[in-house]
Amino acid sequence: MFLIVSVSSDNTKIFDVVEAILLEFKKMRSKLVPNDELTKVKKYLIGHLFLDVESTDSLANFFGLQETLTKKILTPEEVAQKINAVTPEDILRVAQEIFKNERLNMALIGPFKDTEKFSSILKI
């Protein structure tokens, strides 16, 4: 299991950006996601899922990626059902599993020489 966060930021604000991301991870580890927020995210994900598989190329990519990664193929409808089944408690449980100091990694592209400053903030 993995999670990737990708951000583009002005170099002068990168420490604030990283701290804000880590704060959100901390919140997810300790509080249930509000139902209204989860509902919005589910609708967004499902809407984009169905928009993304409208062409035959993207549908083939959708199925091919599943076959490659999981060896099990689900239809877009089955994926939507799985998304709809996610509960705030599921998110809290998974967040507590993955958001741990020993599991955090960070890669930066830019003129950053002070790695110690990043090491000091890379904690949940």
N, C-alpha and C. Protein backbone atom coordinates (compact mmCIF):
# COMPACT_ATOMS: atom_id res chain seq x y z
N MET A 1 0.84 -1.17 0.00
CA MET A 1 0.00 0.00 0.00
C MET A 1 0.90 1.24 0.00
N PHE A 2 0.53 2.21 -0.81
CA PHE A 2 1.30 3.43 -0.84
C PHE A 2 0.41 4.61 -1.19
N LEU A 3 0.89 5.77 -0.85
CA LEU A 3 0.19 7.01 -1.14
C LEU A 3 1.23 7.99 -1.66
N ILE A 4 0.91 8.68 -2.72
CA ILE A 4 1.81 9.67 -3.28
C ILE A 4 1.11 11.01 -3.27
N VAL A 5 1.81 12.02 -2.79
CA VAL A 5 1.33 13.40 -2.84
C VAL A 5 2.31 14.15 -3.73
N SER A 6 1.80 14.80 -4.74
CA SER A 6 2.64 15.55 -5.66
C SER A 6 2.24 17.02 -5.58
N VAL A 7 3.23 17.89 -5.44
CA VAL A 7 2.96 19.31 -5.26
C VAL A 7 3.95 20.13 -6.07
N SER A 8 3.46 21.21 -6.65
CA SER A 8 4.34 22.21 -7.24
C SER A 8 4.21 23.45 -6.37
N SER A 9 5.35 24.00 -6.00
CA SER A 9 5.33 25.13 -5.08
C SER A 9 6.50 26.06 -5.35
N ASP A 10 6.31 27.29 -5.00
CA ASP A 10 7.40 28.25 -4.98
C ASP A 10 8.42 27.76 -3.96
N ASN A 11 9.69 27.79 -4.31
CA ASN A 11 10.74 27.29 -3.41
C ASN A 11 10.71 27.93 -2.03
N THR A 12 10.30 29.18 -1.98
CA THR A 12 10.30 29.88 -0.68
C THR A 12 9.19 29.39 0.24
N LYS A 13 8.21 28.67 -0.30
CA LYS A 13 7.07 28.22 0.50
C LYS A 13 7.07 26.72 0.75
N ILE A 14 8.10 26.02 0.32
CA ILE A 14 8.07 24.56 0.37
C ILE A 14 7.96 24.02 1.79
N PHE A 15 8.59 24.67 2.76
CA PHE A 15 8.51 24.18 4.14
C PHE A 15 7.08 24.31 4.65
N ASP A 16 6.42 25.42 4.34
CA ASP A 16 5.02 25.60 4.75
C ASP A 16 4.13 24.56 4.08
N VAL A 17 4.39 24.27 2.82
CA VAL A 17 3.60 23.28 2.08
C VAL A 17 3.75 21.90 2.69
N VAL A 18 4.99 21.49 2.96
CA VAL A 18 5.23 20.17 3.55
C VAL A 18 4.58 20.09 4.93
N GLU A 19 4.71 21.13 5.73
CA GLU A 19 4.08 21.13 7.06
C GLU A 19 2.56 21.03 6.96
N ALA A 20 1.96 21.72 5.98
CA ALA A 20 0.50 21.66 5.80
C ALA A 20 0.05 20.26 5.41
N ILE A 21 0.79 19.61 4.54
CA ILE A 21 0.46 18.24 4.13
C ILE A 21 0.55 17.30 5.32
N LEU A 22 1.62 17.42 6.10
CA LEU A 22 1.79 16.56 7.27
C LEU A 22 0.70 16.81 8.31
N LEU A 23 0.26 18.05 8.44
CA LEU A 23 -0.84 18.35 9.37
C LEU A 23 -2.12 17.63 8.94
N GLU A 24 -2.38 17.62 7.63
CA GLU A 24 -3.56 16.90 7.14
C GLU A 24 -3.44 15.40 7.40
N PHE A 25 -2.25 14.84 7.24
CA PHE A 25 -2.04 13.42 7.55
C PHE A 25 -2.33 13.16 9.03
N LYS A 26 -1.85 14.05 9.89
CA LYS A 26 -2.09 13.90 11.34
C LYS A 26 -3.58 13.91 11.64
N LYS A 27 -4.30 14.83 11.01
CA LYS A 27 -5.76 14.90 11.22
C LYS A 27 -6.43 13.60 10.80
N MET A 28 -5.99 13.06 9.65
CA MET A 28 -6.61 11.83 9.16
C MET A 28 -6.34 10.65 10.08
N ARG A 29 -5.21 10.68 10.79
CA ARG A 29 -4.88 9.61 11.74
C ARG A 29 -5.69 9.68 13.02
N SER A 30 -6.20 10.87 13.35
CA SER A 30 -6.81 11.04 14.66
C SER A 30 -8.31 11.36 14.64
N LYS A 31 -8.84 11.78 13.50
CA LYS A 31 -10.26 12.16 13.44
C LYS A 31 -10.94 11.49 12.26
N LEU A 32 -12.20 11.18 12.42
CA LEU A 32 -12.98 10.65 11.31
C LEU A 32 -13.20 11.74 10.27
N VAL A 33 -13.11 11.38 9.02
CA VAL A 33 -13.43 12.30 7.93
C VAL A 33 -14.93 12.58 8.00
N PRO A 34 -15.34 13.84 7.94
CA PRO A 34 -16.78 14.14 7.97
C PRO A 34 -17.51 13.48 6.80
N ASN A 35 -18.72 12.99 7.06
CA ASN A 35 -19.50 12.29 6.02
C ASN A 35 -19.73 13.15 4.79
N ASP A 36 -20.02 14.45 4.99
CA ASP A 36 -20.29 15.30 3.82
C ASP A 36 -19.04 15.45 2.95
N GLU A 37 -17.87 15.53 3.57
CA GLU A 37 -16.63 15.62 2.81
C GLU A 37 -16.36 14.31 2.06
N LEU A 38 -16.58 13.19 2.74
CA LEU A 38 -16.38 11.89 2.10
C LEU A 38 -17.33 11.71 0.92
N THR A 39 -18.56 12.13 1.07
CA THR A 39 -19.55 12.03 0.00
C THR A 39 -19.10 12.84 -1.22
N LYS A 40 -18.59 14.05 -1.00
CA LYS A 40 -18.10 14.88 -2.11
C LYS A 40 -16.95 14.20 -2.84
N VAL A 41 -16.03 13.62 -2.08
CA VAL A 41 -14.88 12.96 -2.68
C VAL A 41 -15.32 11.73 -3.47
N LYS A 42 -16.25 10.96 -2.92
CA LYS A 42 -16.75 9.79 -3.64
C LYS A 42 -17.37 10.19 -4.97
N LYS A 43 -18.21 11.23 -4.94
CA LYS A 43 -18.85 11.69 -6.18
C LYS A 43 -17.81 12.15 -7.19
N TYR A 44 -16.80 12.86 -6.72
CA TYR A 44 -15.72 13.33 -7.58
C TYR A 44 -14.99 12.14 -8.22
N LEU A 45 -14.58 11.18 -7.40
CA LEU A 45 -13.84 10.02 -7.90
C LEU A 45 -14.65 9.21 -8.90
N ILE A 46 -15.90 8.96 -8.57
CA ILE A 46 -16.76 8.16 -9.45
C ILE A 46 -17.05 8.91 -10.75
N GLY A 47 -17.30 10.21 -10.64
CA GLY A 47 -17.53 11.02 -11.84
C GLY A 47 -16.33 10.98 -12.77
N HIS A 48 -15.14 11.15 -12.20
CA HIS A 48 -13.93 11.11 -13.03
C HIS A 48 -13.64 9.71 -13.55
N LEU A 49 -13.96 8.70 -12.77
CA LEU A 49 -13.78 7.33 -13.23
C LEU A 49 -14.56 7.10 -14.52
N PHE A 50 -15.83 7.49 -14.53
CA PHE A 50 -16.66 7.24 -15.71
C PHE A 50 -16.29 8.16 -16.88
N LEU A 51 -15.85 9.39 -16.58
CA LEU A 51 -15.37 10.25 -17.66
C LEU A 51 -14.08 9.70 -18.26
N ASP A 52 -13.24 9.14 -17.41
CA ASP A 52 -11.94 8.63 -17.86
C ASP A 52 -12.05 7.39 -18.73
N VAL A 53 -13.13 6.65 -18.65
CA VAL A 53 -13.24 5.41 -19.43
C VAL A 53 -14.22 5.54 -20.60
N GLU A 54 -14.48 6.77 -21.02
CA GLU A 54 -15.42 6.97 -22.13
C GLU A 54 -14.85 6.52 -23.47
N SER A 55 -13.57 6.67 -23.68
CA SER A 55 -12.99 6.25 -24.96
C SER A 55 -12.49 4.81 -24.85
N THR A 56 -12.39 4.14 -25.98
CA THR A 56 -11.93 2.75 -25.97
C THR A 56 -10.47 2.66 -25.52
N ASP A 57 -9.66 3.66 -25.86
CA ASP A 57 -8.26 3.66 -25.43
C ASP A 57 -8.15 3.72 -23.91
N SER A 58 -8.89 4.64 -23.31
CA SER A 58 -8.79 4.78 -21.86
C SER A 58 -9.43 3.60 -21.14
N LEU A 59 -10.47 3.01 -21.72
CA LEU A 59 -11.07 1.82 -21.12
C LEU A 59 -10.09 0.65 -21.16
N ALA A 60 -9.39 0.51 -22.27
CA ALA A 60 -8.37 -0.54 -22.38
C ALA A 60 -7.25 -0.30 -21.36
N ASN A 61 -6.86 0.95 -21.18
CA ASN A 61 -5.84 1.29 -20.19
C ASN A 61 -6.34 0.97 -18.78
N PHE A 62 -7.59 1.27 -18.50
CA PHE A 62 -8.21 0.98 -17.20
C PHE A 62 -8.14 -0.52 -16.89
N PHE A 63 -8.53 -1.34 -17.85
CA PHE A 63 -8.50 -2.79 -17.63
C PHE A 63 -7.07 -3.34 -17.61
N GLY A 64 -6.22 -2.82 -18.50
CA GLY A 64 -4.84 -3.29 -18.55
C GLY A 64 -4.07 -2.99 -17.28
N LEU A 65 -4.29 -1.82 -16.70
CA LEU A 65 -3.62 -1.45 -15.46
C LEU A 65 -4.05 -2.37 -14.32
N GLN A 66 -5.34 -2.68 -14.26
CA GLN A 66 -5.82 -3.60 -13.23
C GLN A 66 -5.18 -4.98 -13.38
N GLU A 67 -5.15 -5.47 -14.61
CA GLU A 67 -4.56 -6.79 -14.86
C GLU A 67 -3.09 -6.80 -14.45
N THR A 68 -2.38 -5.75 -14.80
CA THR A 68 -0.95 -5.67 -14.49
C THR A 68 -0.71 -5.59 -12.98
N LEU A 69 -1.47 -4.77 -12.28
CA LEU A 69 -1.22 -4.53 -10.86
C LEU A 69 -1.84 -5.56 -9.92
N THR A 70 -3.02 -6.05 -10.27
CA THR A 70 -3.75 -6.89 -9.31
C THR A 70 -4.11 -8.28 -9.82
N LYS A 71 -3.98 -8.50 -11.12
CA LYS A 71 -4.39 -9.77 -11.75
C LYS A 71 -5.89 -10.03 -11.59
N LYS A 72 -6.64 -8.98 -11.25
CA LYS A 72 -8.09 -9.10 -11.12
C LYS A 72 -8.70 -7.88 -11.81
N ILE A 73 -9.70 -8.13 -12.64
CA ILE A 73 -10.30 -7.03 -13.39
C ILE A 73 -11.71 -6.75 -12.87
N LEU A 74 -11.93 -5.49 -12.52
CA LEU A 74 -13.25 -5.03 -12.09
C LEU A 74 -13.79 -4.08 -13.15
N THR A 75 -15.10 -4.07 -13.32
CA THR A 75 -15.72 -3.11 -14.22
C THR A 75 -15.73 -1.74 -13.53
N PRO A 76 -15.93 -0.68 -14.30
CA PRO A 76 -16.05 0.63 -13.66
C PRO A 76 -17.19 0.67 -12.63
N GLU A 77 -18.26 -0.04 -12.90
CA GLU A 77 -19.37 -0.09 -11.96
C GLU A 77 -18.97 -0.76 -10.64
N GLU A 78 -18.18 -1.83 -10.74
CA GLU A 78 -17.71 -2.52 -9.53
C GLU A 78 -16.74 -1.64 -8.73
N VAL A 79 -15.90 -0.89 -9.44
CA VAL A 79 -14.99 0.04 -8.76
C VAL A 79 -15.80 1.12 -8.06
N ALA A 80 -16.83 1.63 -8.72
CA ALA A 80 -17.70 2.65 -8.11
C ALA A 80 -18.37 2.10 -6.85
N GLN A 81 -18.80 0.84 -6.88
CA GLN A 81 -19.41 0.23 -5.69
C GLN A 81 -18.40 0.17 -4.54
N LYS A 82 -17.15 -0.18 -4.86
CA LYS A 82 -16.12 -0.24 -3.83
C LYS A 82 -15.85 1.15 -3.24
N ILE A 83 -15.81 2.15 -4.10
CA ILE A 83 -15.61 3.53 -3.63
C ILE A 83 -16.76 3.92 -2.70
N ASN A 84 -17.99 3.63 -3.12
CA ASN A 84 -19.15 3.98 -2.31
C ASN A 84 -19.19 3.24 -0.97
N ALA A 85 -18.54 2.10 -0.89
CA ALA A 85 -18.55 1.31 0.34
C ALA A 85 -17.57 1.82 1.39
N VAL A 86 -16.67 2.73 1.01
CA VAL A 86 -15.66 3.23 1.95
C VAL A 86 -16.35 4.08 3.03
N THR A 87 -15.96 3.83 4.28
CA THR A 87 -16.52 4.57 5.42
C THR A 87 -15.46 5.46 6.05
N PRO A 88 -15.88 6.44 6.84
CA PRO A 88 -14.90 7.24 7.58
C PRO A 88 -14.01 6.37 8.47
N GLU A 89 -14.57 5.30 9.01
CA GLU A 89 -13.78 4.40 9.87
C GLU A 89 -12.71 3.67 9.05
N ASP A 90 -13.02 3.32 7.80
CA ASP A 90 -12.02 2.70 6.92
C ASP A 90 -10.85 3.65 6.69
N ILE A 91 -11.17 4.91 6.44
CA ILE A 91 -10.12 5.89 6.18
C ILE A 91 -9.25 6.08 7.42
N LEU A 92 -9.87 6.16 8.58
CA LEU A 92 -9.11 6.31 9.83
C LEU A 92 -8.19 5.12 10.05
N ARG A 93 -8.70 3.92 9.83
CA ARG A 93 -7.90 2.70 10.02
C ARG A 93 -6.69 2.68 9.08
N VAL A 94 -6.93 2.98 7.82
CA VAL A 94 -5.83 2.96 6.84
C VAL A 94 -4.85 4.10 7.15
N ALA A 95 -5.35 5.26 7.50
CA ALA A 95 -4.47 6.39 7.84
C ALA A 95 -3.56 6.04 9.01
N GLN A 96 -4.10 5.33 9.99
CA GLN A 96 -3.28 4.93 11.14
C GLN A 96 -2.23 3.91 10.75
N GLU A 97 -2.50 3.13 9.72
CA GLU A 97 -1.52 2.15 9.23
C GLU A 97 -0.40 2.81 8.43
N ILE A 98 -0.73 3.78 7.59
CA ILE A 98 0.28 4.30 6.67
C ILE A 98 0.94 5.59 7.13
N PHE A 99 0.27 6.41 7.91
CA PHE A 99 0.87 7.67 8.33
C PHE A 99 1.65 7.48 9.61
N LYS A 100 2.87 6.98 9.44
CA LYS A 100 3.79 6.74 10.55
C LYS A 100 5.14 7.34 10.17
N ASN A 101 5.85 7.84 11.16
CA ASN A 101 7.14 8.48 10.88
C ASN A 101 8.07 7.56 10.09
N GLU A 102 8.13 6.29 10.45
CA GLU A 102 9.06 5.38 9.79
C GLU A 102 8.66 5.06 8.35
N ARG A 103 7.46 5.45 7.96
CA ARG A 103 7.02 5.17 6.60
C ARG A 103 7.08 6.40 5.69
N LEU A 104 7.46 7.54 6.24
CA LEU A 104 7.48 8.77 5.45
C LEU A 104 8.76 8.86 4.61
N ASN A 105 8.60 9.24 3.37
CA ASN A 105 9.71 9.50 2.46
C ASN A 105 9.38 10.76 1.70
N MET A 106 10.41 11.44 1.26
CA MET A 106 10.17 12.66 0.50
C MET A 106 11.25 12.81 -0.57
N ALA A 107 10.82 13.19 -1.75
CA ALA A 107 11.74 13.51 -2.84
C ALA A 107 11.44 14.93 -3.29
N LEU A 108 12.47 15.73 -3.43
CA LEU A 108 12.31 17.12 -3.84
C LEU A 108 13.15 17.40 -5.07
N ILE A 109 12.62 18.23 -5.93
CA ILE A 109 13.40 18.71 -7.06
C ILE A 109 13.47 20.23 -6.91
N GLY A 110 14.67 20.72 -6.79
CA GLY A 110 14.85 22.16 -6.62
C GLY A 110 16.17 22.45 -5.95
N PRO A 111 16.43 23.70 -5.72
CA PRO A 111 17.72 24.11 -5.14
C PRO A 111 17.71 24.03 -3.60
N PHE A 112 17.55 22.83 -3.08
CA PHE A 112 17.47 22.65 -1.63
C PHE A 112 18.75 22.01 -1.12
N LYS A 113 19.48 22.74 -0.32
CA LYS A 113 20.73 22.22 0.21
C LYS A 113 20.63 21.84 1.68
N ASP A 114 19.67 22.43 2.40
CA ASP A 114 19.54 22.21 3.84
C ASP A 114 18.63 21.00 4.11
N THR A 115 19.18 19.80 3.96
CA THR A 115 18.37 18.59 4.17
C THR A 115 17.98 18.43 5.63
N GLU A 116 18.75 18.98 6.54
CA GLU A 116 18.45 18.87 7.97
C GLU A 116 17.12 19.55 8.32
N LYS A 117 16.86 20.67 7.68
CA LYS A 117 15.59 21.37 7.95
C LYS A 117 14.40 20.51 7.52
N PHE A 118 14.53 19.82 6.39
CA PHE A 118 13.46 18.93 5.95
C PHE A 118 13.32 17.74 6.90
N SER A 119 14.44 17.19 7.32
CA SER A 119 14.41 16.04 8.24
C SER A 119 13.72 16.42 9.55
N SER A 120 13.89 17.65 9.97
CA SER A 120 13.31 18.06 11.25
C SER A 120 11.79 18.22 11.18
N ILE A 121 11.24 18.50 9.97
CA ILE A 121 9.78 18.66 9.87
C ILE A 121 9.09 17.41 9.37
N LEU A 122 9.81 16.44 8.87
CA LEU A 122 9.22 15.24 8.30
C LEU A 122 8.85 14.25 9.40
N LYS A 123 7.85 14.65 10.18
CA LYS A 123 7.38 13.83 11.30
C LYS A 123 5.87 14.01 11.45
N ILE A 124 5.25 12.94 11.82
CA ILE A 124 3.79 13.01 12.06
C ILE A 124 3.57 12.87 13.56
